[in-house]
C-alpha atoms as a PDB file:
ATOM      1  CA  MET A   1       0.000   0.000   0.000  1.00  0.00           C
ATOM      2  CA  THR A   2       1.321   3.449  -0.878  1.00  0.00           C
ATOM      3  CA  HIS A   3       2.002   5.624   2.133  1.00  0.00           C
ATOM      4  CA  PRO A   4      -0.293   8.702   1.914  1.00  0.00           C
ATOM      5  CA  HIS A   5       2.616  11.124   2.275  1.00  0.00           C
ATOM      6  CA  LEU A   6       4.682   9.699  -0.579  1.00  0.00           C
ATOM      7  CA  ALA A   7       2.564  11.430  -3.220  1.00  0.00           C
ATOM      8  CA  ALA A   8       3.292  14.864  -1.762  1.00  0.00           C
ATOM      9  CA  GLU A   9       6.623  16.355  -0.836  1.00  0.00           C
ATOM     10  CA  ASP A  10       7.492  16.338   2.851  1.00  0.00           C
ATOM     11  CA  VAL A  11       9.060  19.763   3.352  1.00  0.00           C
ATOM     12  CA  TYR A  12      10.260  18.820   6.866  1.00  0.00           C
ATOM     13  CA  PRO A  13      11.782  15.340   6.483  1.00  0.00           C
ATOM     14  CA  SER A  14      13.323  13.915   9.652  1.00  0.00           C
ATOM     15  CA  ARG A  15      14.590  10.535  10.866  1.00  0.00           C
ATOM     16  CA  VAL A  16      15.016   9.438   7.256  1.00  0.00           C
ATOM     17  CA  SER A  17      18.772   9.984   6.819  1.00  0.00           C
ATOM     18  CA  ASP A  18      21.962   9.017   8.603  1.00  0.00           C
ATOM     19  CA  ARG A  19      23.032  12.681   8.613  1.00  0.00           C
ATOM     20  CA  PRO A  20      21.344  15.599  10.360  1.00  0.00           C
ATOM     21  CA  ALA A  21      20.369  18.701   8.401  1.00  0.00           C
ATOM     22  CA  MET A  22      19.322  22.255   9.184  1.00  0.00           C
ATOM     23  CA  LEU A  23      16.418  23.316   6.950  1.00  0.00           C
ATOM     24  CA  GLU A  24      14.892  26.739   6.484  1.00  0.00           C
ATOM     25  CA  ARG A  25      11.380  27.148   7.867  1.00  0.00           C
ATOM     26  CA  LYS A  26       8.752  27.140   5.094  1.00  0.00           C
ATOM     27  CA  ASP A  27       5.826  28.502   7.124  1.00  0.00           C
ATOM     28  CA  PRO A  28       4.914  31.831   8.724  1.00  0.00           C
ATOM     29  CA  VAL A  29       5.418  32.326  12.451  1.00  0.00           C
ATOM     30  CA  VAL A  30       2.522  34.739  12.945  1.00  0.00           C
ATOM     31  CA  TYR A  31      -0.462  33.903  10.737  1.00  0.00           C
ATOM     32  CA  GLY A  32      -2.881  36.427  12.183  1.00  0.00           C
ATOM     33  CA  ASP A  33      -3.523  40.078  11.470  1.00  0.00           C
ATOM     34  CA  VAL A  34      -0.946  42.331  13.147  1.00  0.00           C
ATOM     35  CA  ALA A  35      -3.207  45.390  12.918  1.00  0.00           C
ATOM     36  CA  ALA A  36      -4.092  47.137  16.158  1.00  0.00           C
ATOM     37  CA  GLY A  37      -7.242  45.727  17.740  1.00  0.00           C
ATOM     38  CA  ALA A  38      -7.059  42.453  15.817  1.00  0.00           C
ATOM     39  CA  GLY A  39      -6.455  40.471  19.010  1.00  0.00           C
ATOM     40  CA  PRO A  40      -5.183  40.592  22.597  1.00  0.00           C
ATOM     41  CA  LEU A  41      -1.537  41.163  21.616  1.00  0.00           C
ATOM     42  CA  ASP A  42      -0.330  44.485  20.257  1.00  0.00           C
ATOM     43  CA  ALA A  43       1.935  44.804  17.226  1.00  0.00           C
ATOM     44  CA  GLU A  44       5.091  45.045  19.359  1.00  0.00           C
ATOM     45  CA  ALA A  45       4.323  41.809  21.208  1.00  0.00           C
ATOM     46  CA  LEU A  46       3.565  39.999  17.966  1.00  0.00           C
ATOM     47  CA  ALA A  47       6.833  41.271  16.487  1.00  0.00           C
ATOM     48  CA  ARG A  48       8.736  39.909  19.494  1.00  0.00           C
ATOM     49  CA  TYR A  49       7.023  36.548  19.120  1.00  0.00           C
ATOM     50  CA  GLU A  50       7.796  36.452  15.409  1.00  0.00           C
ATOM     51  CA  ARG A  51      11.440  37.374  16.033  1.00  0.00           C
ATOM     52  CA  ASN A  52      12.192  35.252  19.109  1.00  0.00           C
ATOM     53  CA  GLY A  53       9.674  32.434  18.820  1.00  0.00           C
ATOM     54  CA  TYR A  54       8.293  32.957  22.293  1.00  0.00           C
ATOM     55  CA  LEU A  55       6.584  35.491  24.517  1.00  0.00           C
ATOM     56  CA  CYS A  56       6.842  35.611  28.322  1.00  0.00           C
ATOM     57  CA  LEU A  57       3.951  37.325  30.148  1.00  0.00           C
ATOM     58  CA  PRO A  58       4.512  37.673  33.937  1.00  0.00           C
ATOM     59  CA  GLY A  59       1.492  38.291  36.154  1.00  0.00           C
ATOM     60  CA  PHE A  60      -0.952  36.766  33.688  1.00  0.00           C
ATOM     61  CA  PHE A  61      -2.749  34.938  36.511  1.00  0.00           C
ATOM     62  CA  SER A  62      -3.402  36.397  39.949  1.00  0.00           C
ATOM     63  CA  ALA A  63      -2.044  34.964  43.195  1.00  0.00           C
ATOM     64  CA  SER A  64      -5.510  33.636  44.096  1.00  0.00           C
ATOM     65  CA  ASP A  65      -5.838  31.935  40.701  1.00  0.00           C
ATOM     66  CA  VAL A  66      -2.433  30.354  41.170  1.00  0.00           C
ATOM     67  CA  GLN A  67      -3.321  29.107  44.647  1.00  0.00           C
ATOM     68  CA  THR A  68      -6.503  27.474  43.351  1.00  0.00           C
ATOM     69  CA  LEU A  69      -4.633  25.780  40.505  1.00  0.00           C
ATOM     70  CA  ARG A  70      -1.820  24.720  42.796  1.00  0.00           C
ATOM     71  CA  SER A  71      -4.347  22.998  45.063  1.00  0.00           C
ATOM     72  CA  GLU A  72      -5.677  21.131  42.019  1.00  0.00           C
ATOM     73  CA  LEU A  73      -2.106  20.253  41.068  1.00  0.00           C
ATOM     74  CA  LYS A  74      -1.455  18.758  44.501  1.00  0.00           C
ATOM     75  CA  ARG A  75      -4.758  16.875  44.474  1.00  0.00           C
ATOM     76  CA  LEU A  76      -3.975  15.406  41.066  1.00  0.00           C
ATOM     77  CA  TRP A  77      -0.498  14.360  42.246  1.00  0.00           C
ATOM     78  CA  GLU A  78      -1.963  12.526  45.248  1.00  0.00           C
ATOM     79  CA  GLN A  79      -4.681  10.950  43.117  1.00  0.00           C
ATOM     80  CA  SER A  80      -2.127   9.740  40.552  1.00  0.00           C
ATOM     81  CA  ARG A  81       0.709   8.712  42.875  1.00  0.00           C
ATOM     82  CA  ASP A  82      -0.087   4.990  42.628  1.00  0.00           C
ATOM     83  CA  ALA A  83      -2.241   5.112  39.516  1.00  0.00           C
ATOM     84  CA  ASP A  84      -1.531   2.665  36.726  1.00  0.00           C
ATOM     85  CA  ARG A  85      -2.795   4.805  33.847  1.00  0.00           C
ATOM     86  CA  ASN A  86      -1.107   5.471  30.534  1.00  0.00           C
ATOM     87  CA  GLU A  87      -1.570   9.204  31.054  1.00  0.00           C
ATOM     88  CA  VAL A  88       0.689   9.166  34.133  1.00  0.00           C
ATOM     89  CA  ILE A  89       4.349   9.239  33.078  1.00  0.00           C
ATOM     90  CA  ARG A  90       7.057   8.331  35.598  1.00  0.00           C
ATOM     91  CA  GLU A  91      10.623   9.585  35.833  1.00  0.00           C
ATOM     92  CA  PRO A  92      13.098   7.336  33.974  1.00  0.00           C
ATOM     93  CA  ASP A  93      14.837   6.087  37.133  1.00  0.00           C
ATOM     94  CA  SER A  94      12.072   6.178  39.734  1.00  0.00           C
ATOM     95  CA  ARG A  95       8.327   5.988  40.348  1.00  0.00           C
ATOM     96  CA  ASP A  96       8.071   9.763  40.800  1.00  0.00           C
ATOM     97  CA  ILE A  97       5.544  11.406  38.496  1.00  0.00           C
ATOM     98  CA  ARG A  98       7.186  13.250  35.613  1.00  0.00           C
ATOM     99  CA  SER A  99       4.088  14.272  33.641  1.00  0.00           C
ATOM    100  CA  ILE A 100       0.345  13.746  33.501  1.00  0.00           C
ATOM    101  CA  PHE A 101      -1.220  13.978  30.055  1.00  0.00           C
ATOM    102  CA  ALA A 102      -4.730  14.864  28.845  1.00  0.00           C
ATOM    103  CA  VAL A 103      -5.474  17.064  31.850  1.00  0.00           C
ATOM    104  CA  HIS A 104      -7.823  19.236  29.761  1.00  0.00           C
ATOM    105  CA  ARG A 105      -9.867  16.129  28.996  1.00  0.00           C
ATOM    106  CA  ASP A 106      -9.950  14.470  32.399  1.00  0.00           C
ATOM    107  CA  HIS A 107      -9.935  17.262  35.005  1.00  0.00           C
ATOM    108  CA  ASP A 108     -12.486  20.053  35.233  1.00  0.00           C
ATOM    109  CA  ALA A 109     -10.164  22.739  36.608  1.00  0.00           C
ATOM    110  CA  PHE A 110      -7.659  22.286  33.802  1.00  0.00           C
ATOM    111  CA  ARG A 111     -10.407  21.963  31.194  1.00  0.00           C
ATOM    112  CA  ARG A 112     -11.666  25.381  32.232  1.00  0.00           C
ATOM    113  CA  LEU A 113      -8.121  26.721  32.225  1.00  0.00           C
ATOM    114  CA  SER A 114      -7.540  25.469  28.662  1.00  0.00           C
ATOM    115  CA  ARG A 115     -10.601  27.455  27.572  1.00  0.00           C
ATOM    116  CA  ASP A 116      -9.591  30.720  29.234  1.00  0.00           C
ATOM    117  CA  PRO A 117     -10.603  33.313  26.621  1.00  0.00           C
ATOM    118  CA  ARG A 118      -7.412  35.319  27.128  1.00  0.00           C
ATOM    119  CA  ILE A 119      -5.218  32.313  26.324  1.00  0.00           C
ATOM    120  CA  VAL A 120      -7.379  31.056  23.475  1.00  0.00           C
ATOM    121  CA  GLY A 121      -7.586  34.581  22.071  1.00  0.00           C
ATOM    122  CA  ILE A 122      -3.802  34.866  21.873  1.00  0.00           C
ATOM    123  CA  ALA A 123      -3.493  31.417  20.279  1.00  0.00           C
ATOM    124  CA  ARG A 124      -6.103  32.315  17.675  1.00  0.00           C
ATOM    125  CA  GLN A 125      -4.421  35.639  16.965  1.00  0.00           C
ATOM    126  CA  ILE A 126      -0.977  34.112  16.406  1.00  0.00           C
ATOM    127  CA  LEU A 127      -2.229  31.125  14.414  1.00  0.00           C
ATOM    128  CA  GLY A 128      -4.781  33.125  12.429  1.00  0.00           C
ATOM    129  CA  SER A 129      -7.633  30.644  12.816  1.00  0.00           C
ATOM    130  CA  ASP A 130      -9.762  28.731  15.268  1.00  0.00           C
ATOM    131  CA  VAL A 131      -7.744  26.334  17.405  1.00  0.00           C
ATOM    132  CA  TYR A 132      -8.123  23.071  19.277  1.00  0.00           C
ATOM    133  CA  ILE A 133      -6.081  21.293  21.943  1.00  0.00           C
ATOM    134  CA  HIS A 134      -3.530  19.002  20.340  1.00  0.00           C
ATOM    135  CA  GLN A 135      -2.010  17.967  23.672  1.00  0.00           C
ATOM    136  CA  SER A 136      -2.141  18.928  27.337  1.00  0.00           C
ATOM    137  CA  ARG A 137      -0.035  17.912  30.292  1.00  0.00           C
ATOM    138  CA  ILE A 138       1.331  18.867  33.659  1.00  0.00           C
ATOM    139  CA  ASN A 139       5.099  18.646  34.057  1.00  0.00           C
ATOM    140  CA  TYR A 140       6.127  18.112  37.647  1.00  0.00           C
ATOM    141  CA  LYS A 141       9.715  18.857  38.532  1.00  0.00           C
ATOM    142  CA  LYS A 142      10.059  18.178  42.227  1.00  0.00           C
ATOM    143  CA  GLY A 143      12.797  19.703  44.322  1.00  0.00           C
ATOM    144  CA  PHE A 144      16.009  17.624  44.392  1.00  0.00           C
ATOM    145  CA  THR A 145      14.724  14.865  42.058  1.00  0.00           C
ATOM    146  CA  GLY A 146      13.038  16.459  39.011  1.00  0.00           C
ATOM    147  CA  LYS A 147      14.850  15.321  35.865  1.00  0.00           C
ATOM    148  CA  GLU A 148      15.803  17.231  32.752  1.00  0.00           C
ATOM    149  CA  PHE A 149      13.966  17.496  29.433  1.00  0.00           C
ATOM    150  CA  TYR A 150      16.650  17.396  26.737  1.00  0.00           C
ATOM    151  CA  TRP A 151      16.753  19.895  23.847  1.00  0.00           C
ATOM    152  CA  HIS A 152      14.093  19.274  21.230  1.00  0.00           C
ATOM    153  CA  SER A 153      11.676  20.823  18.778  1.00  0.00           C
ATOM    154  CA  ASP A 154       8.123  19.731  19.551  1.00  0.00           C
ATOM    155  CA  PHE A 155       7.158  20.027  15.902  1.00  0.00           C
ATOM    156  CA  GLU A 156       9.765  17.460  14.874  1.00  0.00           C
ATOM    157  CA  THR A 157       8.013  14.823  16.977  1.00  0.00           C
ATOM    158  CA  TRP A 158       4.491  16.003  16.188  1.00  0.00           C
ATOM    159  CA  HIS A 159       5.312  15.921  12.466  1.00  0.00           C
ATOM    160  CA  VAL A 160       7.052  12.546  12.394  1.00  0.00           C
ATOM    161  CA  GLU A 161       5.034  10.639  14.990  1.00  0.00           C
ATOM    162  CA  ASP A 162       1.649  12.394  14.889  1.00  0.00           C
ATOM    163  CA  GLY A 163       1.345  13.654  11.308  1.00  0.00           C
ATOM    164  CA  MET A 164       1.138  17.396  12.007  1.00  0.00           C
ATOM    165  CA  PRO A 165       1.588  18.794   8.477  1.00  0.00           C
ATOM    166  CA  ARG A 166       2.912  22.322   9.019  1.00  0.00           C
ATOM    167  CA  MET A 167       4.271  24.680  11.683  1.00  0.00           C
ATOM    168  CA  ARG A 168       0.958  26.184  12.722  1.00  0.00           C
ATOM    169  CA  ALA A 169       0.785  25.288  16.414  1.00  0.00           C
ATOM    170  CA  LEU A 170       2.043  26.728  19.685  1.00  0.00           C
ATOM    171  CA  SER A 171       2.441  25.817  23.336  1.00  0.00           C
ATOM    172  CA  CYS A 172       1.201  27.753  26.327  1.00  0.00           C
ATOM    173  CA  SER A 173       3.078  27.096  29.576  1.00  0.00           C
ATOM    174  CA  ILE A 174       1.503  28.303  32.822  1.00  0.00           C
ATOM    175  CA  THR A 175       3.856  28.395  35.802  1.00  0.00           C
ATOM    176  CA  LEU A 176       2.330  27.288  39.099  1.00  0.00           C
ATOM    177  CA  GLU A 177       5.564  27.711  41.053  1.00  0.00           C
ATOM    178  CA  ASP A 178       8.155  30.473  40.858  1.00  0.00           C
ATOM    179  CA  ASN A 179      10.538  29.664  38.010  1.00  0.00           C
ATOM    180  CA  HIS A 180      14.101  30.695  38.879  1.00  0.00           C
ATOM    181  CA  HIS A 181      17.290  30.326  36.869  1.00  0.00           C
ATOM    182  CA  CYS A 182      18.354  27.631  39.324  1.00  0.00           C
ATOM    183  CA  ASN A 183      15.376  25.235  39.529  1.00  0.00           C
ATOM    184  CA  GLY A 184      15.204  23.911  35.991  1.00  0.00           C
ATOM    185  CA  PRO A 185      13.191  26.578  34.122  1.00  0.00           C
ATOM    186  CA  LEU A 186      12.223  26.392  30.489  1.00  0.00           C
ATOM    187  CA  LEU A 187      15.296  27.156  28.351  1.00  0.00           C
ATOM    188  CA  LEU A 188      14.833  28.402  24.800  1.00  0.00           C
ATOM    189  CA  ILE A 189      17.074  29.268  21.869  1.00  0.00           C
ATOM    190  CA  PRO A 190      15.412  32.465  20.560  1.00  0.00           C
ATOM    191  CA  GLY A 191      15.254  32.549  16.772  1.00  0.00           C
ATOM    192  CA  SER A 192      15.788  28.796  16.432  1.00  0.00           C
ATOM    193  CA  HIS A 193      12.129  28.399  15.417  1.00  0.00           C
ATOM    194  CA  LYS A 194      13.084  29.569  11.921  1.00  0.00           C
ATOM    195  CA  THR A 195      15.349  26.548  11.390  1.00  0.00           C
ATOM    196  CA  PHE A 196      14.120  22.949  11.308  1.00  0.00           C
ATOM    197  CA  VAL A 197      16.687  20.443  12.548  1.00  0.00           C
ATOM    198  CA  SER A 198      16.215  17.151  10.736  1.00  0.00           C
ATOM    199  CA  CYS A 199      17.236  14.358  13.120  1.00  0.00           C
ATOM    200  CA  VAL A 200      18.821  10.974  12.473  1.00  0.00           C
ATOM    201  CA  GLY A 201      17.618   7.524  13.463  1.00  0.00           C
ATOM    202  CA  ARG A 202      14.577   5.466  12.513  1.00  0.00           C
ATOM    203  CA  THR A 203      11.664   5.722  14.912  1.00  0.00           C
ATOM    204  CA  PRO A 204      10.897   2.447  16.739  1.00  0.00           C
ATOM    205  CA  GLU A 205       7.299   1.297  16.965  1.00  0.00           C
ATOM    206  CA  ALA A 206       5.448   2.701  19.981  1.00  0.00           C
ATOM    207  CA  HIS A 207       8.391   4.991  20.643  1.00  0.00           C
ATOM    208  CA  TYR A 208       6.259   7.183  22.913  1.00  0.00           C
ATOM    209  CA  GLU A 209       6.272   4.476  25.588  1.00  0.00           C
ATOM    210  CA  GLN A 210       9.929   5.318  26.244  1.00  0.00           C
ATOM    211  CA  SER A 211      10.302   8.849  24.847  1.00  0.00           C
ATOM    212  CA  LEU A 212       7.919  10.472  27.318  1.00  0.00           C
ATOM    213  CA  ARG A 213      10.279   9.332  30.078  1.00  0.00           C
ATOM    214  CA  ARG A 214      13.553   9.884  28.229  1.00  0.00           C
ATOM    215  CA  GLN A 215      13.722  10.736  24.530  1.00  0.00           C
ATOM    216  CA  GLU A 216      16.292   9.004  22.321  1.00  0.00           C
ATOM    217  CA  TYR A 217      14.916   9.604  18.810  1.00  0.00           C
ATOM    218  CA  GLY A 218      13.999  13.014  17.452  1.00  0.00           C
ATOM    219  CA  VAL A 219      16.886  14.430  19.488  1.00  0.00           C
ATOM    220  CA  PRO A 220      18.902  17.145  17.716  1.00  0.00           C
ATOM    221  CA  ASP A 221      22.598  16.548  17.134  1.00  0.00           C
ATOM    222  CA  GLN A 222      25.163  18.468  19.153  1.00  0.00           C
ATOM    223  CA  GLU A 223      26.655  20.307  16.179  1.00  0.00           C
ATOM    224  CA  SER A 224      23.263  21.734  15.170  1.00  0.00           C
ATOM    225  CA  LEU A 225      22.647  22.790  18.764  1.00  0.00           C
ATOM    226  CA  ARG A 226      26.071  24.426  18.906  1.00  0.00           C
ATOM    227  CA  LEU A 227      25.418  26.386  15.702  1.00  0.00           C
ATOM    228  CA  LEU A 228      21.967  27.510  16.829  1.00  0.00           C
ATOM    229  CA  THR A 229      23.359  28.632  20.178  1.00  0.00           C
ATOM    230  CA  GLU A 230      26.220  30.540  18.525  1.00  0.00           C
ATOM    231  CA  ARG A 231      23.706  32.382  16.353  1.00  0.00           C
ATOM    232  CA  HIS A 232      21.015  33.067  18.914  1.00  0.00           C
ATOM    233  CA  GLY A 233      22.155  32.342  22.466  1.00  0.00           C
ATOM    234  CA  ILE A 234      20.049  30.712  25.186  1.00  0.00           C
ATOM    235  CA  GLU A 235      17.385  32.389  27.319  1.00  0.00           C
ATOM    236  CA  ALA A 236      15.531  31.189  30.410  1.00  0.00           C
ATOM    237  CA  ALA A 237      11.810  31.810  30.799  1.00  0.00           C
ATOM    238  CA  VAL A 238      11.886  32.792  34.457  1.00  0.00           C
ATOM    239  CA  GLY A 239       9.149  34.526  36.397  1.00  0.00           C
ATOM    240  CA  PRO A 240       6.853  34.274  39.389  1.00  0.00           C
ATOM    241  CA  ALA A 241       4.023  31.767  39.611  1.00  0.00           C
ATOM    242  CA  GLY A 242       1.233  32.883  37.315  1.00  0.00           C
ATOM    243  CA  THR A 243       3.567  33.717  34.429  1.00  0.00           C
ATOM    244  CA  VAL A 244       2.464  32.458  31.016  1.00  0.00           C
ATOM    245  CA  VAL A 245       4.870  31.621  28.206  1.00  0.00           C
ATOM    246  CA  PHE A 246       3.678  31.167  24.630  1.00  0.00           C
ATOM    247  CA  PHE A 247       6.208  29.467  22.379  1.00  0.00           C
ATOM    248  CA  ASP A 248       6.306  28.344  18.770  1.00  0.00           C
ATOM    249  CA  CYS A 249       6.003  24.658  17.935  1.00  0.00           C
ATOM    250  CA  ASN A 250       9.456  24.559  16.324  1.00  0.00           C
ATOM    251  CA  ILE A 251      11.554  26.516  18.822  1.00  0.00           C
ATOM    252  CA  MET A 252      14.431  24.521  20.298  1.00  0.00           C
ATOM    253  CA  HIS A 253      13.883  24.204  24.031  1.00  0.00           C
ATOM    254  CA  GLY A 254      14.549  22.037  27.066  1.00  0.00           C
ATOM    255  CA  SER A 255      15.229  22.277  30.788  1.00  0.00           C
ATOM    256  CA  ASN A 256      17.828  21.194  33.319  1.00  0.00           C
ATOM    257  CA  SER A 257      17.361  18.846  36.246  1.00  0.00           C
ATOM    258  CA  ASN A 258      16.175  20.441  39.460  1.00  0.00           C
ATOM    259  CA  ILE A 259      18.710  19.863  42.236  1.00  0.00           C
ATOM    260  CA  THR A 260      17.336  22.692  44.387  1.00  0.00           C
ATOM    261  CA  PRO A 261      14.674  22.326  47.113  1.00  0.00           C
ATOM    262  CA  LEU A 262      12.390  24.568  45.026  1.00  0.00           C
ATOM    263  CA  PRO A 263       9.731  22.706  42.994  1.00  0.00           C
ATOM    264  CA  ARG A 264       8.892  23.771  39.434  1.00  0.00           C
ATOM    265  CA  SER A 265       5.533  22.643  38.093  1.00  0.00           C
ATOM    266  CA  ASN A 266       3.944  23.915  34.894  1.00  0.00           C
ATOM    267  CA  VAL A 267       0.729  23.261  32.974  1.00  0.00           C
ATOM    268  CA  PHE A 268       1.107  22.967  29.194  1.00  0.00           C
ATOM    269  CA  PHE A 269      -1.581  23.346  26.583  1.00  0.00           C
ATOM    270  CA  VAL A 270      -0.730  22.880  22.918  1.00  0.00           C
ATOM    271  CA  TYR A 271      -3.030  24.715  20.507  1.00  0.00           C
ATOM    272  CA  ASN A 272      -3.098  23.631  16.879  1.00  0.00           C
ATOM    273  CA  SER A 273      -4.854  25.441  14.052  1.00  0.00           C
ATOM    274  CA  THR A 274      -8.050  23.813  12.867  1.00  0.00           C
ATOM    275  CA  GLU A 275      -6.542  24.276   9.395  1.00  0.00           C
ATOM    276  CA  ASN A 276      -3.549  22.130  10.366  1.00  0.00           C
ATOM    277  CA  ARG A 277      -5.229  18.960  11.612  1.00  0.00           C
ATOM    278  CA  LEU A 278      -3.212  15.779  11.854  1.00  0.00           C
ATOM    279  CA  THR A 279      -2.813  13.391   8.938  1.00  0.00           C
ATOM    280  CA  SER A 280      -1.043  10.039   8.959  1.00  0.00           C
ATOM    281  CA  PRO A 281       2.299  10.113  10.813  1.00  0.00           C
ATOM    282  CA  TYR A 282       5.183  10.938   8.484  1.00  0.00           C
ATOM    283  CA  SER A 283       7.078   7.991   9.948  1.00  0.00           C
ATOM    284  CA  GLY A 284       4.561   5.652   8.291  1.00  0.00           C
ATOM    285  CA  GLN A 285       3.804   4.109  11.682  1.00  0.00           C
ATOM    286  CA  LYS A 286       0.664   3.919  13.770  1.00  0.00           C
ATOM    287  CA  PRO A 287      -0.470   7.228  15.275  1.00  0.00           C
ATOM    288  CA  ARG A 288       0.291   7.872  18.904  1.00  0.00           C
ATOM    289  CA  PRO A 289      -2.744   7.495  21.190  1.00  0.00           C
ATOM    290  CA  ASP A 290      -5.285  10.261  21.670  1.00  0.00           C
ATOM    291  CA  TYR A 291      -4.105  11.208  25.162  1.00  0.00           C
ATOM    292  CA  ILE A 292      -0.829  12.362  23.566  1.00  0.00           C
ATOM    293  CA  ALA A 293      -2.106  13.687  20.225  1.00  0.00           C
ATOM    294  CA  THR A 294      -5.749  14.592  19.699  1.00  0.00           C
ATOM    295  CA  ARG A 295      -6.847  13.518  16.231  1.00  0.00           C
ATOM    296  CA  GLY A 296     -10.467  14.677  16.422  1.00  0.00           C
END
C-alpha cells in the first residue's frame, strides 16, 4: 500500500537519513492580522514573538488563581501517585511522576483553564484561525529529584510521529511555582524556530512508551545545537508563579534537572490550528494514542 505522504513532498523530512540537516522554515510564524485591535496582543508583542519564537507574560494569573490551581495540582499528584494509567508518566529512574497527560480532557479545573478566553484569544491571533487542543499535560519537577527534558523541537516529533503537516501550532506554559534560573526553568534558543533540525535515526514502533520518560529519537545533534546557540544564544523563561509563556512549535527548548529544594511545576496546553489537523504520521507508523495527540 502506498504511504499517503509519498505522493506529496514532505518539506520537513526527519529521521530518514543518517546525517542531520538544518532546513529553512517554510511557514509563517505569525499567521494572524498584526493590525491594532485584531487580538489581545499588540503589534510590538507579535513582532517579538515572530522574532524570538516565544513570549513571556509575567502576572498573567493572579495569586488567588495560582493558589486554586496549585491545590488542584497537589490533588492530582496525590490521586495519581499509585495510579496505573497510561496518562501518568514516571521519571526514567524512579516511580516519581514526571508528567500527567490529557489534563484538559480528564480534570475540570484544567479543562476550564484550557478554555480561558485570554489564552485562546492569543493562540487564535498568532495562528490566524480557530484552534483546538492538540495535547495537554502537567510537568512536575520536584525539588532535588526532578529530571531534565533534553533539547528538542516539539514540531519534529508532532510531524514525524503524529502527522502534524505544518508549523501552525504553539504551546502555552503556565507556571504554578516560581521559576528561577536555578530550579530547571524552560530554556529556549530564541530565533531557532526559523530553522528545522532534521534528526537521524529510525523511529521504533510505539516509541512514545519510552520517549515520554527519556527521549532518544527526534533528538537534535550536538553540532546543530552548537550552531543555533552561537547564532542566537540561550534564554531562560523565568518569572513568578502565574507567568504564562507562549512558544512556537518549532523553537528549540529544554530544561535542566532540578537539584534545588524549590519545585517547578507547569501546565502545558498545545493549541493547533483547525486548518492544520493531523494526517497520517510521516514515519509511516501507527499514530500515537489520543491522550498524547488529539486527532479529532
